[in-house]
Amino acid sequence: MYVSPNFKTKKALKDAVAARVKWDALSPEEQALRRAGQLMTVGAVMGEDSEPRPVDVYAPGLGTVPYNGRVSLEGPHYPAPHTWYAEGTMKDGKLVKVK
């Protein structure tokens, strides 16, 4: 299965998933304050406090992505040669862990 956006390295994928999981753990009020730029944190000053883009998992013509469970990931996308492979964990339709 592939992920979107098309990550060139597994480290970039892991970082993006970790950032999104951290964002999803925030309360809705804190997310709204961070979106509005009204919450002063070190991340806000460094420009790292914006909402991270979600990582989507898809299987192009190869079946369906499980709602909960493990998935095998590879990238970057075809036609580039695959340079990384990973195992991910899906929870409630979201990619929450990559190893």
PDB file of N, CA and C in Angstrom:
ATOM      1  N   MET A   1       0.838  -1.170   0.000  1.00  0.00           N
ATOM      2  CA  MET A   1       0.000   0.000   0.000  1.00  0.00           C
ATOM      3  C   MET A   1       0.885   1.236   0.000  1.00  0.00           C
ATOM      4  N   TYR A   2       0.330   2.302  -0.504  1.00  0.00           N
ATOM      5  CA  TYR A   2       1.046   3.563  -0.584  1.00  0.00           C
ATOM      6  C   TYR A   2       0.447   4.582   0.384  1.00  0.00           C
ATOM      7  N   VAL A   3       1.179   5.671   0.592  1.00  0.00           N
ATOM      8  CA  VAL A   3       0.693   6.761   1.428  1.00  0.00           C
ATOM      9  C   VAL A   3       0.691   8.051   0.614  1.00  0.00           C
ATOM     10  N   SER A   4      -0.141   8.951   1.034  1.00  0.00           N
ATOM     11  CA  SER A   4      -0.192  10.277   0.424  1.00  0.00           C
ATOM     12  C   SER A   4      -0.110  11.289   1.549  1.00  0.00           C
ATOM     13  N   PRO A   5       0.805  12.237   1.471  1.00  0.00           N
ATOM     14  CA  PRO A   5       1.692  12.590   0.377  1.00  0.00           C
ATOM     15  C   PRO A   5       2.775  11.540   0.144  1.00  0.00           C
ATOM     16  N   ASN A   6       3.448  11.670  -0.985  1.00  0.00           N
ATOM     17  CA  ASN A   6       4.465  10.721  -1.413  1.00  0.00           C
ATOM     18  C   ASN A   6       5.785  11.038  -0.708  1.00  0.00           C
ATOM     19  N   PHE A   7       6.077  10.313   0.374  1.00  0.00           N
ATOM     20  CA  PHE A   7       7.295  10.570   1.144  1.00  0.00           C
ATOM     21  C   PHE A   7       8.489   9.897   0.479  1.00  0.00           C
ATOM     22  N   LYS A   8       9.603  10.605   0.421  1.00  0.00           N
ATOM     23  CA  LYS A   8      10.823  10.069  -0.183  1.00  0.00           C
ATOM     24  C   LYS A   8      11.552   9.133   0.772  1.00  0.00           C
ATOM     25  N   THR A   9      11.380   9.312   2.101  1.00  0.00           N
ATOM     26  CA  THR A   9      12.055   8.472   3.086  1.00  0.00           C
ATOM     27  C   THR A   9      11.070   7.993   4.141  1.00  0.00           C
ATOM     28  N   LYS A  10      11.426   6.873   4.781  1.00  0.00           N
ATOM     29  CA  LYS A  10      10.596   6.352   5.859  1.00  0.00           C
ATOM     30  C   LYS A  10      10.631   7.291   7.063  1.00  0.00           C
ATOM     31  N   LYS A  11      11.751   7.955   7.293  1.00  0.00           N
ATOM     32  CA  LYS A  11      11.859   8.900   8.406  1.00  0.00           C
ATOM     33  C   LYS A  11      10.869  10.050   8.237  1.00  0.00           C
ATOM     34  N   ALA A  12      10.732  10.548   7.043  1.00  0.00           N
ATOM     35  CA  ALA A  12       9.778  11.629   6.780  1.00  0.00           C
ATOM     36  C   ALA A  12       8.348  11.152   7.062  1.00  0.00           C
ATOM     37  N   LEU A  13       8.040   9.915   6.686  1.00  0.00           N
ATOM     38  CA  LEU A  13       6.720   9.348   6.967  1.00  0.00           C
ATOM     39  C   LEU A  13       6.493   9.232   8.464  1.00  0.00           C
ATOM     40  N   LYS A  14       7.474   8.692   9.188  1.00  0.00           N
ATOM     41  CA  LYS A  14       7.347   8.535  10.634  1.00  0.00           C
ATOM     42  C   LYS A  14       7.132   9.887  11.320  1.00  0.00           C
ATOM     43  N   ASP A  15       7.895  10.894  10.909  1.00  0.00           N
ATOM     44  CA  ASP A  15       7.769  12.234  11.502  1.00  0.00           C
ATOM     45  C   ASP A  15       6.383  12.822  11.242  1.00  0.00           C
ATOM     46  N   ALA A  16       5.875  12.645  10.035  1.00  0.00           N
ATOM     47  CA  ALA A  16       4.555  13.187   9.693  1.00  0.00           C
ATOM     48  C   ALA A  16       3.448  12.492  10.475  1.00  0.00           C
ATOM     49  N   VAL A  17       3.539  11.178  10.631  1.00  0.00           N
ATOM     50  CA  VAL A  17       2.531  10.433  11.390  1.00  0.00           C
ATOM     51  C   VAL A  17       2.588  10.839  12.863  1.00  0.00           C
ATOM     52  N   ALA A  18       3.792  10.951  13.421  1.00  0.00           N
ATOM     53  CA  ALA A  18       3.938  11.351  14.822  1.00  0.00           C
ATOM     54  C   ALA A  18       3.372  12.745  15.062  1.00  0.00           C
ATOM     55  N   ALA A  19       3.626  13.671  14.148  1.00  0.00           N
ATOM     56  CA  ALA A  19       3.107  15.032  14.293  1.00  0.00           C
ATOM     57  C   ALA A  19       1.578  15.041  14.249  1.00  0.00           C
ATOM     58  N   ARG A  20       0.995  14.242  13.352  1.00  0.00           N
ATOM     59  CA  ARG A  20      -0.467  14.208  13.241  1.00  0.00           C
ATOM     60  C   ARG A  20      -1.100  13.560  14.471  1.00  0.00           C
ATOM     61  N   VAL A  21      -0.478  12.497  15.002  1.00  0.00           N
ATOM     62  CA  VAL A  21      -0.996  11.847  16.211  1.00  0.00           C
ATOM     63  C   VAL A  21      -0.948  12.824  17.379  1.00  0.00           C
ATOM     64  N   LYS A  22       0.145  13.576  17.478  1.00  0.00           N
ATOM     65  CA  LYS A  22       0.275  14.584  18.544  1.00  0.00           C
ATOM     66  C   LYS A  22      -0.817  15.647  18.398  1.00  0.00           C
ATOM     67  N   TRP A  23      -1.091  16.081  17.175  1.00  0.00           N
ATOM     68  CA  TRP A  23      -2.117  17.082  16.917  1.00  0.00           C
ATOM     69  C   TRP A  23      -3.509  16.558  17.294  1.00  0.00           C
ATOM     70  N   ASP A  24      -3.776  15.307  16.901  1.00  0.00           N
ATOM     71  CA  ASP A  24      -5.084  14.716  17.189  1.00  0.00           C
ATOM     72  C   ASP A  24      -5.319  14.523  18.685  1.00  0.00           C
ATOM     73  N   ALA A  25      -4.236  14.435  19.474  1.00  0.00           N
ATOM     74  CA  ALA A  25      -4.360  14.265  20.920  1.00  0.00           C
ATOM     75  C   ALA A  25      -4.740  15.572  21.627  1.00  0.00           C
ATOM     76  N   LEU A  26      -4.596  16.701  20.951  1.00  0.00           N
ATOM     77  CA  LEU A  26      -4.964  17.991  21.545  1.00  0.00           C
ATOM     78  C   LEU A  26      -6.471  18.115  21.653  1.00  0.00           C
ATOM     79  N   SER A  27      -6.907  18.902  22.617  1.00  0.00           N
ATOM     80  CA  SER A  27      -8.345  19.153  22.735  1.00  0.00           C
ATOM     81  C   SER A  27      -8.802  20.045  21.575  1.00  0.00           C
ATOM     82  N   PRO A  28     -10.085  19.985  21.221  1.00  0.00           N
ATOM     83  CA  PRO A  28     -10.581  20.849  20.131  1.00  0.00           C
ATOM     84  C   PRO A  28     -10.347  22.334  20.395  1.00  0.00           C
ATOM     85  N   GLU A  29     -10.428  22.740  21.651  1.00  0.00           N
ATOM     86  CA  GLU A  29     -10.202  24.153  21.984  1.00  0.00           C
ATOM     87  C   GLU A  29      -8.753  24.546  21.726  1.00  0.00           C
ATOM     88  N   GLU A  30      -7.820  23.663  22.131  1.00  0.00           N
ATOM     89  CA  GLU A  30      -6.415  23.972  21.918  1.00  0.00           C
ATOM     90  C   GLU A  30      -6.064  23.954  20.431  1.00  0.00           C
ATOM     91  N   GLN A  31      -6.673  23.046  19.669  1.00  0.00           N
ATOM     92  CA  GLN A  31      -6.459  23.035  18.220  1.00  0.00           C
ATOM     93  C   GLN A  31      -6.929  24.346  17.598  1.00  0.00           C
ATOM     94  N   ALA A  32      -8.093  24.828  18.028  1.00  0.00           N
ATOM     95  CA  ALA A  32      -8.622  26.082  17.489  1.00  0.00           C
ATOM     96  C   ALA A  32      -7.707  27.257  17.828  1.00  0.00           C
ATOM     97  N   LEU A  33      -7.184  27.287  19.051  1.00  0.00           N
ATOM     98  CA  LEU A  33      -6.281  28.367  19.441  1.00  0.00           C
ATOM     99  C   LEU A  33      -4.987  28.317  18.626  1.00  0.00           C
ATOM    100  N   ARG A  34      -4.475  27.132  18.391  1.00  0.00           N
ATOM    101  CA  ARG A  34      -3.237  27.014  17.603  1.00  0.00           C
ATOM    102  C   ARG A  34      -3.472  27.408  16.154  1.00  0.00           C
ATOM    103  N   ARG A  35      -4.644  27.026  15.608  1.00  0.00           N
ATOM    104  CA  ARG A  35      -4.950  27.422  14.228  1.00  0.00           C
ATOM    105  C   ARG A  35      -5.024  28.942  14.103  1.00  0.00           C
ATOM    106  N   ALA A  36      -5.595  29.590  15.128  1.00  0.00           N
ATOM    107  CA  ALA A  36      -5.760  31.037  15.099  1.00  0.00           C
ATOM    108  C   ALA A  36      -4.469  31.766  15.460  1.00  0.00           C
ATOM    109  N   GLY A  37      -3.466  31.033  15.943  1.00  0.00           N
ATOM    110  CA  GLY A  37      -2.200  31.660  16.316  1.00  0.00           C
ATOM    111  C   GLY A  37      -2.276  32.405  17.625  1.00  0.00           C
ATOM    112  N   GLN A  38      -3.258  32.091  18.459  1.00  0.00           N
ATOM    113  CA  GLN A  38      -3.438  32.806  19.717  1.00  0.00           C
ATOM    114  C   GLN A  38      -2.767  32.120  20.899  1.00  0.00           C
ATOM    115  N   LEU A  39      -2.248  30.917  20.696  1.00  0.00           N
ATOM    116  CA  LEU A  39      -1.601  30.196  21.773  1.00  0.00           C
ATOM    117  C   LEU A  39      -0.097  30.321  21.592  1.00  0.00           C
ATOM    118  N   MET A  40       0.561  31.010  22.509  1.00  0.00           N
ATOM    119  CA  MET A  40       1.998  31.235  22.390  1.00  0.00           C
ATOM    120  C   MET A  40       2.761  30.063  22.995  1.00  0.00           C
ATOM    121  N   THR A  41       3.366  29.281  22.139  1.00  0.00           N
ATOM    122  CA  THR A  41       4.222  28.179  22.548  1.00  0.00           C
ATOM    123  C   THR A  41       5.532  28.311  21.801  1.00  0.00           C
ATOM    124  N   VAL A  42       6.492  27.496  22.184  1.00  0.00           N
ATOM    125  CA  VAL A  42       7.769  27.499  21.468  1.00  0.00           C
ATOM    126  C   VAL A  42       7.533  27.119  20.009  1.00  0.00           C
ATOM    127  N   GLY A  43       6.631  26.146  19.775  1.00  0.00           N
ATOM    128  CA  GLY A  43       6.317  25.738  18.412  1.00  0.00           C
ATOM    129  C   GLY A  43       5.714  26.866  17.597  1.00  0.00           C
ATOM    130  N   ALA A  44       4.898  27.702  18.237  1.00  0.00           N
ATOM    131  CA  ALA A  44       4.285  28.827  17.523  1.00  0.00           C
ATOM    132  C   ALA A  44       5.344  29.836  17.096  1.00  0.00           C
ATOM    133  N   VAL A  45       6.293  30.094  17.972  1.00  0.00           N
ATOM    134  CA  VAL A  45       7.364  31.034  17.652  1.00  0.00           C
ATOM    135  C   VAL A  45       8.244  30.480  16.528  1.00  0.00           C
ATOM    136  N   MET A  46       8.467  29.165  16.539  1.00  0.00           N
ATOM    137  CA  MET A  46       9.317  28.531  15.533  1.00  0.00           C
ATOM    138  C   MET A  46       8.554  28.245  14.241  1.00  0.00           C
ATOM    139  N   GLY A  47       7.251  28.489  14.218  1.00  0.00           N
ATOM    140  CA  GLY A  47       6.454  28.235  13.032  1.00  0.00           C
ATOM    141  C   GLY A  47       6.086  26.771  12.854  1.00  0.00           C
ATOM    142  N   GLU A  48       6.140  25.981  13.941  1.00  0.00           N
ATOM    143  CA  GLU A  48       5.879  24.552  13.864  1.00  0.00           C
ATOM    144  C   GLU A  48       4.539  24.170  14.489  1.00  0.00           C
ATOM    145  N   ASP A  49       3.715  25.125  14.809  1.00  0.00           N
ATOM    146  CA  ASP A  49       2.487  24.854  15.547  1.00  0.00           C
ATOM    147  C   ASP A  49       1.258  24.763  14.653  1.00  0.00           C
ATOM    148  N   SER A  50       1.439  24.792  13.352  1.00  0.00           N
ATOM    149  CA  SER A  50       0.287  24.711  12.467  1.00  0.00           C
ATOM    150  C   SER A  50      -0.192  23.269  12.377  1.00  0.00           C
ATOM    151  N   GLU A  51      -1.402  23.099  11.880  1.00  0.00           N
ATOM    152  CA  GLU A  51      -1.991  21.769  11.791  1.00  0.00           C
ATOM    153  C   GLU A  51      -1.249  20.918  10.764  1.00  0.00           C
ATOM    154  N   PRO A  52      -0.715  19.755  11.178  1.00  0.00           N
ATOM    155  CA  PRO A  52      -0.027  18.900  10.215  1.00  0.00           C
ATOM    156  C   PRO A  52      -1.012  18.217   9.277  1.00  0.00           C
ATOM    157  N   ARG A  53      -0.574  17.998   8.082  1.00  0.00           N
ATOM    158  CA  ARG A  53      -1.407  17.355   7.067  1.00  0.00           C
ATOM    159  C   ARG A  53      -1.617  15.882   7.424  1.00  0.00           C
ATOM    160  N   PRO A  54      -2.827  15.359   7.304  1.00  0.00           N
ATOM    161  CA  PRO A  54      -3.037  13.934   7.579  1.00  0.00           C
ATOM    162  C   PRO A  54      -2.346  13.059   6.534  1.00  0.00           C
ATOM    163  N   VAL A  55      -1.957  11.858   6.954  1.00  0.00           N
ATOM    164  CA  VAL A  55      -1.325  10.899   6.056  1.00  0.00           C
ATOM    165  C   VAL A  55      -2.385   9.882   5.661  1.00  0.00           C
ATOM    166  N   ASP A  56      -2.678   9.798   4.377  1.00  0.00           N
ATOM    167  CA  ASP A  56      -3.683   8.872   3.871  1.00  0.00           C
ATOM    168  C   ASP A  56      -3.002   7.608   3.357  1.00  0.00           C
ATOM    169  N   VAL A  57      -3.643   6.459   3.598  1.00  0.00           N
ATOM    170  CA  VAL A  57      -3.152   5.166   3.115  1.00  0.00           C
ATOM    171  C   VAL A  57      -4.121   4.681   2.051  1.00  0.00           C
ATOM    172  N   TYR A  58      -3.576   4.176   0.936  1.00  0.00           N
ATOM    173  CA  TYR A  58      -4.447   3.639  -0.108  1.00  0.00           C
ATOM    174  C   TYR A  58      -3.777   2.467  -0.810  1.00  0.00           C
ATOM    175  N   ALA A  59      -4.606   1.617  -1.356  1.00  0.00           N
ATOM    176  CA  ALA A  59      -4.141   0.448  -2.099  1.00  0.00           C
ATOM    177  C   ALA A  59      -4.639   0.589  -3.531  1.00  0.00           C
ATOM    178  N   PRO A  60      -3.759   0.966  -4.474  1.00  0.00           N
ATOM    179  CA  PRO A  60      -4.208   1.196  -5.844  1.00  0.00           C
ATOM    180  C   PRO A  60      -4.571  -0.105  -6.571  1.00  0.00           C
ATOM    181  N   GLY A  61      -5.845  -0.442  -6.545  1.00  0.00           N
ATOM    182  CA  GLY A  61      -6.318  -1.623  -7.254  1.00  0.00           C
ATOM    183  C   GLY A  61      -5.970  -2.944  -6.604  1.00  0.00           C
ATOM    184  N   LEU A  62      -5.520  -2.911  -5.370  1.00  0.00           N
ATOM    185  CA  LEU A  62      -5.061  -4.130  -4.710  1.00  0.00           C
ATOM    186  C   LEU A  62      -5.944  -4.551  -3.541  1.00  0.00           C
ATOM    187  N   GLY A  63      -7.113  -4.015  -3.424  1.00  0.00           N
ATOM    188  CA  GLY A  63      -7.979  -4.335  -2.291  1.00  0.00           C
ATOM    189  C   GLY A  63      -8.318  -3.082  -1.507  1.00  0.00           C
ATOM    190  N   THR A  64      -8.664  -3.293  -0.251  1.00  0.00           N
ATOM    191  CA  THR A  64      -9.059  -2.167   0.589  1.00  0.00           C
ATOM    192  C   THR A  64      -8.113  -2.039   1.773  1.00  0.00           C
ATOM    193  N   VAL A  65      -8.041  -0.855   2.313  1.00  0.00           N
ATOM    194  CA  VAL A  65      -7.230  -0.575   3.494  1.00  0.00           C
ATOM    195  C   VAL A  65      -8.059  -0.933   4.719  1.00  0.00           C
ATOM    196  N   PRO A  66      -7.513  -1.713   5.657  1.00  0.00           N
ATOM    197  CA  PRO A  66      -8.289  -2.065   6.844  1.00  0.00           C
ATOM    198  C   PRO A  66      -8.559  -0.849   7.719  1.00  0.00           C
ATOM    199  N   TYR A  67      -9.729  -0.852   8.357  1.00  0.00           N
ATOM    200  CA  TYR A  67     -10.102   0.242   9.253  1.00  0.00           C
ATOM    201  C   TYR A  67      -9.266   0.182  10.532  1.00  0.00           C
ATOM    202  N   ASN A  68      -9.030  -1.012  11.033  1.00  0.00           N
ATOM    203  CA  ASN A  68      -8.176  -1.256  12.200  1.00  0.00           C
ATOM    204  C   ASN A  68      -7.261  -2.420  11.858  1.00  0.00           C
ATOM    205  N   GLY A  69      -6.012  -2.340  12.270  1.00  0.00           N
ATOM    206  CA  GLY A  69      -5.078  -3.428  12.035  1.00  0.00           C
ATOM    207  C   GLY A  69      -3.777  -2.968  11.417  1.00  0.00           C
ATOM    208  N   ARG A  70      -3.020  -3.937  10.916  1.00  0.00           N
ATOM    209  CA  ARG A  70      -1.705  -3.657  10.340  1.00  0.00           C
ATOM    210  C   ARG A  70      -1.787  -3.488   8.826  1.00  0.00           C
ATOM    211  N   VAL A  71      -0.891  -2.660   8.326  1.00  0.00           N
ATOM    212  CA  VAL A  71      -0.763  -2.473   6.879  1.00  0.00           C
ATOM    213  C   VAL A  71       0.721  -2.496   6.519  1.00  0.00           C
ATOM    214  N   SER A  72       1.018  -2.984   5.331  1.00  0.00           N
ATOM    215  CA  SER A  72       2.379  -2.940   4.800  1.00  0.00           C
ATOM    216  C   SER A  72       2.461  -1.761   3.847  1.00  0.00           C
ATOM    217  N   LEU A  73       3.464  -0.933   4.047  1.00  0.00           N
ATOM    218  CA  LEU A  73       3.604   0.296   3.265  1.00  0.00           C
ATOM    219  C   LEU A  73       4.902   0.249   2.466  1.00  0.00           C
ATOM    220  N   GLU A  74       4.911   0.958   1.353  1.00  0.00           N
ATOM    221  CA  GLU A  74       6.114   1.075   0.541  1.00  0.00           C
ATOM    222  C   GLU A  74       6.120   2.428  -0.157  1.00  0.00           C
ATOM    223  N   GLY A  75       7.294   2.862  -0.495  1.00  0.00           N
ATOM    224  CA  GLY A  75       7.385   4.146  -1.166  1.00  0.00           C
ATOM    225  C   GLY A  75       8.798   4.405  -1.658  1.00  0.00           C
ATOM    226  N   PRO A  76       9.032   5.442  -2.371  1.00  0.00           N
ATOM    227  CA  PRO A  76       8.032   6.332  -2.960  1.00  0.00           C
ATOM    228  C   PRO A  76       7.198   5.626  -4.022  1.00  0.00           C
ATOM    229  N   HIS A  77       6.203   6.314  -4.531  1.00  0.00           N
ATOM    230  CA  HIS A  77       5.257   5.728  -5.478  1.00  0.00           C
ATOM    231  C   HIS A  77       5.921   5.340  -6.796  1.00  0.00           C
ATOM    232  N   TYR A  78       5.253   4.429  -7.484  1.00  0.00           N
ATOM    233  CA  TYR A  78       5.624   4.076  -8.852  1.00  0.00           C
ATOM    234  C   TYR A  78       5.493   5.324  -9.717  1.00  0.00           C
ATOM    235  N   PRO A  79       6.348   5.640 -10.623  1.00  0.00           N
ATOM    236  CA  PRO A  79       7.379   4.849 -11.270  1.00  0.00           C
ATOM    237  C   PRO A  79       8.744   4.919 -10.601  1.00  0.00           C
ATOM    238  N   ALA A  80       8.890   5.700  -9.535  1.00  0.00           N
ATOM    239  CA  ALA A  80      10.180   5.727  -8.844  1.00  0.00           C
ATOM    240  C   ALA A  80      10.413   4.373  -8.171  1.00  0.00           C
ATOM    241  N   PRO A  81      11.661   3.931  -8.083  1.00  0.00           N
ATOM    242  CA  PRO A  81      11.913   2.660  -7.401  1.00  0.00           C
ATOM    243  C   PRO A  81      11.633   2.788  -5.904  1.00  0.00           C
ATOM    244  N   HIS A  82      11.055   1.757  -5.330  1.00  0.00           N
ATOM    245  CA  HIS A  82      10.783   1.780  -3.889  1.00  0.00           C
ATOM    246  C   HIS A  82      12.108   1.739  -3.133  1.00  0.00           C
ATOM    247  N   THR A  83      12.284   2.663  -2.210  1.00  0.00           N
ATOM    248  CA  THR A  83      13.513   2.719  -1.421  1.00  0.00           C
ATOM    249  C   THR A  83      13.254   2.471   0.050  1.00  0.00           C
ATOM    250  N   TRP A  84      11.993   2.427   0.457  1.00  0.00           N
ATOM    251  CA  TRP A  84      11.677   2.127   1.858  1.00  0.00           C
ATOM    252  C   TRP A  84      10.414   1.270   1.945  1.00  0.00           C
ATOM    253  N   TYR A  85      10.390   0.452   2.992  1.00  0.00           N
ATOM    254  CA  TYR A  85       9.239  -0.392   3.311  1.00  0.00           C
ATOM    255  C   TYR A  85       8.977  -0.242   4.794  1.00  0.00           C
ATOM    256  N   ALA A  86       7.708  -0.288   5.192  1.00  0.00           N
ATOM    257  CA  ALA A  86       7.363  -0.091   6.597  1.00  0.00           C
ATOM    258  C   ALA A  86       6.103  -0.868   6.939  1.00  0.00           C
ATOM    259  N   GLU A  87       5.910  -1.064   8.233  1.00  0.00           N
ATOM    260  CA  GLU A  87       4.677  -1.658   8.735  1.00  0.00           C
ATOM    261  C   GLU A  87       3.957  -0.579   9.526  1.00  0.00           C
ATOM    262  N   GLY A  88       2.700  -0.384   9.218  1.00  0.00           N
ATOM    263  CA  GLY A  88       1.920   0.642   9.896  1.00  0.00           C
ATOM    264  C   GLY A  88       0.764   0.044  10.657  1.00  0.00           C
ATOM    265  N   THR A  89       0.242   0.820  11.591  1.00  0.00           N
ATOM    266  CA  THR A  89      -0.917   0.417  12.368  1.00  0.00           C
ATOM    267  C   THR A  89      -2.041   1.407  12.114  1.00  0.00           C
ATOM    268  N   MET A  90      -3.184   0.873  11.690  1.00  0.00           N
ATOM    269  CA  MET A  90      -4.372   1.691  11.459  1.00  0.00           C
ATOM    270  C   MET A  90      -5.279   1.599  12.677  1.00  0.00           C
ATOM    271  N   LYS A  91      -5.836   2.733  13.078  1.00  0.00           N
ATOM    272  CA  LYS A  91      -6.806   2.769  14.167  1.00  0.00           C
ATOM    273  C   LYS A  91      -7.902   3.748  13.776  1.00  0.00           C
ATOM    274  N   ASP A  92      -9.111   3.272  13.744  1.00  0.00           N
ATOM    275  CA  ASP A  92     -10.269   4.093  13.358  1.00  0.00           C
ATOM    276  C   ASP A  92     -10.067   4.764  12.003  1.00  0.00           C
ATOM    277  N   GLY A  93      -9.431   4.049  11.080  1.00  0.00           N
ATOM    278  CA  GLY A  93      -9.244   4.550   9.723  1.00  0.00           C
ATOM    279  C   GLY A  93      -8.094   5.514   9.552  1.00  0.00           C
ATOM    280  N   LYS A  94      -7.267   5.712  10.611  1.00  0.00           N
ATOM    281  CA  LYS A  94      -6.134   6.628  10.530  1.00  0.00           C
ATOM    282  C   LYS A  94      -4.845   5.864  10.775  1.00  0.00           C
ATOM    283  N   LEU A  95      -3.796   6.268  10.099  1.00  0.00           N
ATOM    284  CA  LEU A  95      -2.475   5.703  10.331  1.00  0.00           C
ATOM    285  C   LEU A  95      -1.924   6.330  11.612  1.00  0.00           C
ATOM    286  N   VAL A  96      -1.691   5.509  12.648  1.00  0.00           N
ATOM    287  CA  VAL A  96      -1.279   6.053  13.934  1.00  0.00           C
ATOM    288  C   VAL A  96       0.134   5.651  14.356  1.00  0.00           C
ATOM    289  N   LYS A  97       0.727   4.669  13.667  1.00  0.00           N
ATOM    290  CA  LYS A  97       2.057   4.220  14.054  1.00  0.00           C
ATOM    291  C   LYS A  97       2.767   3.629  12.844  1.00  0.00           C
ATOM    292  N   VAL A  98       4.071   3.883  12.762  1.00  0.00           N
ATOM    293  CA  VAL A  98       4.881   3.336  11.673  1.00  0.00           C
ATOM    294  C   VAL A  98       6.167   2.779  12.281  1.00  0.00           C
ATOM    295  N   LYS A  99       6.495   1.542  11.858  1.00  0.00           N
ATOM    296  CA  LYS A  99       7.790   0.989  12.276  1.00  0.00           C
ATOM    297  C   LYS A  99       8.449   0.285  11.122  1.00  0.00           C
TER     298      LYS A  99
END
